[in-house]
């Protein structure tokens, strides 16, 4: 392979770019010659939690704090549009990225 893969790593709920980077140390070491990893942090900080971020919320209209609950039934996706713009701007400014890697089950 003549060019390394550029992998944009997207952390999951209640994580950060830093925590995701720490969790992938072994994999990054194995793939060092094949890929460069770039970690990005979600734009929404979770209230009442240290170093915890989210790409969207479930339904802040029924909660006093910004959070995600998979049991919430909602037609809203607060924060998603802002996060999508954030990601697209990052890729536009820093791309191209060959691979997107998402660690979260809530977006799978």
C-alpha atoms as a PDB file:
ATOM      1  CA  UNK A   1       0.000   0.000   0.000  1.00  0.00           C
ATOM      2  CA  UNK A   2       1.547   3.306  -1.053  1.00  0.00           C
ATOM      3  CA  UNK A   3      -0.600   5.601   1.086  1.00  0.00           C
ATOM      4  CA  UNK A   4      -1.691   5.097   4.684  1.00  0.00           C
ATOM      5  CA  UNK A   5      -5.376   4.976   5.482  1.00  0.00           C
ATOM      6  CA  UNK A   6      -6.634   8.078   7.283  1.00  0.00           C
ATOM      7  CA  UNK A   7      -9.119   6.916   9.861  1.00  0.00           C
ATOM      8  CA  UNK A   8     -11.424   9.406  11.554  1.00  0.00           C
ATOM      9  CA  UNK A   9     -12.363   7.925  14.920  1.00  0.00           C
ATOM     10  CA  UNK A  10     -15.735   8.954  16.335  1.00  0.00           C
ATOM     11  CA  UNK A  11     -16.260   8.170  20.007  1.00  0.00           C
ATOM     12  CA  UNK A  12     -19.464   6.937  21.591  1.00  0.00           C
ATOM     13  CA  UNK A  13     -21.844   8.384  24.135  1.00  0.00           C
ATOM     14  CA  UNK A  14     -20.300   9.518  27.427  1.00  0.00           C
ATOM     15  CA  UNK A  15     -16.819   9.263  25.923  1.00  0.00           C
ATOM     16  CA  UNK A  16     -14.365  11.738  24.462  1.00  0.00           C
ATOM     17  CA  UNK A  17     -11.660  11.754  21.837  1.00  0.00           C
ATOM     18  CA  UNK A  18      -9.155  11.201  24.643  1.00  0.00           C
ATOM     19  CA  UNK A  19     -10.911   8.167  26.149  1.00  0.00           C
ATOM     20  CA  UNK A  20     -11.458   6.577  22.733  1.00  0.00           C
ATOM     21  CA  UNK A  21      -7.790   7.101  21.867  1.00  0.00           C
ATOM     22  CA  UNK A  22      -6.750   5.416  25.110  1.00  0.00           C
ATOM     23  CA  UNK A  23      -9.027   2.425  24.416  1.00  0.00           C
ATOM     24  CA  UNK A  24      -7.540   1.853  20.966  1.00  0.00           C
ATOM     25  CA  UNK A  25      -3.835   1.931  21.865  1.00  0.00           C
ATOM     26  CA  UNK A  26      -3.189  -1.734  21.052  1.00  0.00           C
ATOM     27  CA  UNK A  27      -4.958  -1.580  17.702  1.00  0.00           C
ATOM     28  CA  UNK A  28      -3.192   1.630  16.719  1.00  0.00           C
ATOM     29  CA  UNK A  29       0.161   0.032  17.508  1.00  0.00           C
ATOM     30  CA  UNK A  30      -0.587  -2.991  15.298  1.00  0.00           C
ATOM     31  CA  UNK A  31      -1.815  -0.818  12.401  1.00  0.00           C
ATOM     32  CA  UNK A  32       0.823   1.911  12.764  1.00  0.00           C
ATOM     33  CA  UNK A  33       2.412   1.202   9.382  1.00  0.00           C
ATOM     34  CA  UNK A  34      -0.954   1.038   7.576  1.00  0.00           C
ATOM     35  CA  UNK A  35      -3.047   3.828   9.081  1.00  0.00           C
ATOM     36  CA  UNK A  36      -3.066   7.218  10.738  1.00  0.00           C
ATOM     37  CA  UNK A  37      -5.808   7.675  13.325  1.00  0.00           C
ATOM     38  CA  UNK A  38      -7.475  10.995  14.017  1.00  0.00           C
ATOM     39  CA  UNK A  39      -9.792  11.324  17.010  1.00  0.00           C
ATOM     40  CA  UNK A  40     -12.546  13.909  17.108  1.00  0.00           C
ATOM     41  CA  UNK A  41     -14.657  15.016  20.084  1.00  0.00           C
ATOM     42  CA  UNK A  42     -18.420  15.540  19.882  1.00  0.00           C
ATOM     43  CA  UNK A  43     -19.531  19.169  20.199  1.00  0.00           C
ATOM     44  CA  UNK A  44     -22.026  18.605  23.037  1.00  0.00           C
ATOM     45  CA  UNK A  45     -20.755  18.260  26.595  1.00  0.00           C
ATOM     46  CA  UNK A  46     -22.995  16.271  28.898  1.00  0.00           C
ATOM     47  CA  UNK A  47     -24.096  18.202  31.934  1.00  0.00           C
ATOM     48  CA  UNK A  48     -23.071  16.929  35.353  1.00  0.00           C
ATOM     49  CA  UNK A  49     -20.438  14.610  33.843  1.00  0.00           C
ATOM     50  CA  UNK A  50     -16.712  15.216  33.525  1.00  0.00           C
ATOM     51  CA  UNK A  51     -15.076  14.594  30.138  1.00  0.00           C
ATOM     52  CA  UNK A  52     -18.285  13.168  28.677  1.00  0.00           C
ATOM     53  CA  UNK A  53     -19.603  14.208  25.298  1.00  0.00           C
ATOM     54  CA  UNK A  54     -22.479  13.346  23.002  1.00  0.00           C
ATOM     55  CA  UNK A  55     -23.372  13.748  19.351  1.00  0.00           C
ATOM     56  CA  UNK A  56     -27.074  14.268  20.146  1.00  0.00           C
ATOM     57  CA  UNK A  57     -29.668  14.069  22.928  1.00  0.00           C
ATOM     58  CA  UNK A  58     -32.837  12.043  23.202  1.00  0.00           C
ATOM     59  CA  UNK A  59     -35.392  14.645  24.259  1.00  0.00           C
ATOM     60  CA  UNK A  60     -34.288  17.632  26.331  1.00  0.00           C
ATOM     61  CA  UNK A  61     -37.858  18.938  26.392  1.00  0.00           C
ATOM     62  CA  UNK A  62     -38.678  16.317  29.037  1.00  0.00           C
ATOM     63  CA  UNK A  63     -35.359  16.501  30.904  1.00  0.00           C
ATOM     64  CA  UNK A  64     -33.709  19.285  32.846  1.00  0.00           C
ATOM     65  CA  UNK A  65     -30.256  18.094  31.788  1.00  0.00           C
ATOM     66  CA  UNK A  66     -28.884  17.262  28.367  1.00  0.00           C
ATOM     67  CA  UNK A  67     -28.556  13.501  28.133  1.00  0.00           C
ATOM     68  CA  UNK A  68     -29.465  10.511  26.000  1.00  0.00           C
ATOM     69  CA  UNK A  69     -31.853   7.796  27.126  1.00  0.00           C
ATOM     70  CA  UNK A  70     -32.580   4.951  24.719  1.00  0.00           C
ATOM     71  CA  UNK A  71     -35.982   4.467  26.399  1.00  0.00           C
ATOM     72  CA  UNK A  72     -37.138   7.984  25.474  1.00  0.00           C
ATOM     73  CA  UNK A  73     -39.687   8.098  22.696  1.00  0.00           C
ATOM     74  CA  UNK A  74     -39.162  11.220  20.654  1.00  0.00           C
ATOM     75  CA  UNK A  75     -39.596  12.660  17.202  1.00  0.00           C
ATOM     76  CA  UNK A  76     -36.761  15.102  17.897  1.00  0.00           C
ATOM     77  CA  UNK A  77     -33.034  14.655  17.443  1.00  0.00           C
ATOM     78  CA  UNK A  78     -31.632  17.608  19.381  1.00  0.00           C
ATOM     79  CA  UNK A  79     -27.996  18.271  18.597  1.00  0.00           C
ATOM     80  CA  UNK A  80     -27.772  15.892  15.628  1.00  0.00           C
ATOM     81  CA  UNK A  81     -27.833  18.564  12.895  1.00  0.00           C
ATOM     82  CA  UNK A  82     -25.156  20.578  14.668  1.00  0.00           C
ATOM     83  CA  UNK A  83     -22.997  17.466  15.072  1.00  0.00           C
ATOM     84  CA  UNK A  84     -23.416  16.488  11.423  1.00  0.00           C
ATOM     85  CA  UNK A  85     -22.331  19.969  10.297  1.00  0.00           C
ATOM     86  CA  UNK A  86     -19.408  19.769  12.726  1.00  0.00           C
ATOM     87  CA  UNK A  87     -18.260  16.432  11.249  1.00  0.00           C
ATOM     88  CA  UNK A  88     -18.726  17.524   7.631  1.00  0.00           C
ATOM     89  CA  UNK A  89     -16.784  20.745   8.264  1.00  0.00           C
ATOM     90  CA  UNK A  90     -13.991  18.789   9.922  1.00  0.00           C
ATOM     91  CA  UNK A  91     -13.747  16.366   6.997  1.00  0.00           C
ATOM     92  CA  UNK A  92     -13.895  19.243   4.513  1.00  0.00           C
ATOM     93  CA  UNK A  93     -11.122  21.123   6.337  1.00  0.00           C
ATOM     94  CA  UNK A  94      -8.940  18.096   7.122  1.00  0.00           C
ATOM     95  CA  UNK A  95      -9.964  15.470   4.590  1.00  0.00           C
ATOM     96  CA  UNK A  96     -10.157  13.417   2.733  1.00  0.00           C
ATOM     97  CA  UNK A  97     -10.699  10.689   5.276  1.00  0.00           C
ATOM     98  CA  UNK A  98     -10.613   7.192   3.849  1.00  0.00           C
ATOM     99  CA  UNK A  99     -12.449   5.554   6.716  1.00  0.00           C
ATOM    100  CA  UNK A 100     -14.875   6.618   9.436  1.00  0.00           C
ATOM    101  CA  UNK A 101     -14.784   4.508  12.573  1.00  0.00           C
ATOM    102  CA  UNK A 102     -17.610   4.810  15.069  1.00  0.00           C
ATOM    103  CA  UNK A 103     -17.431   3.167  18.491  1.00  0.00           C
ATOM    104  CA  UNK A 104     -21.010   3.779  19.569  1.00  0.00           C
ATOM    105  CA  UNK A 105     -23.916   1.410  19.461  1.00  0.00           C
ATOM    106  CA  UNK A 106     -26.551   4.158  19.608  1.00  0.00           C
ATOM    107  CA  UNK A 107     -25.725   5.208  16.035  1.00  0.00           C
ATOM    108  CA  UNK A 108     -25.151   1.742  14.593  1.00  0.00           C
END
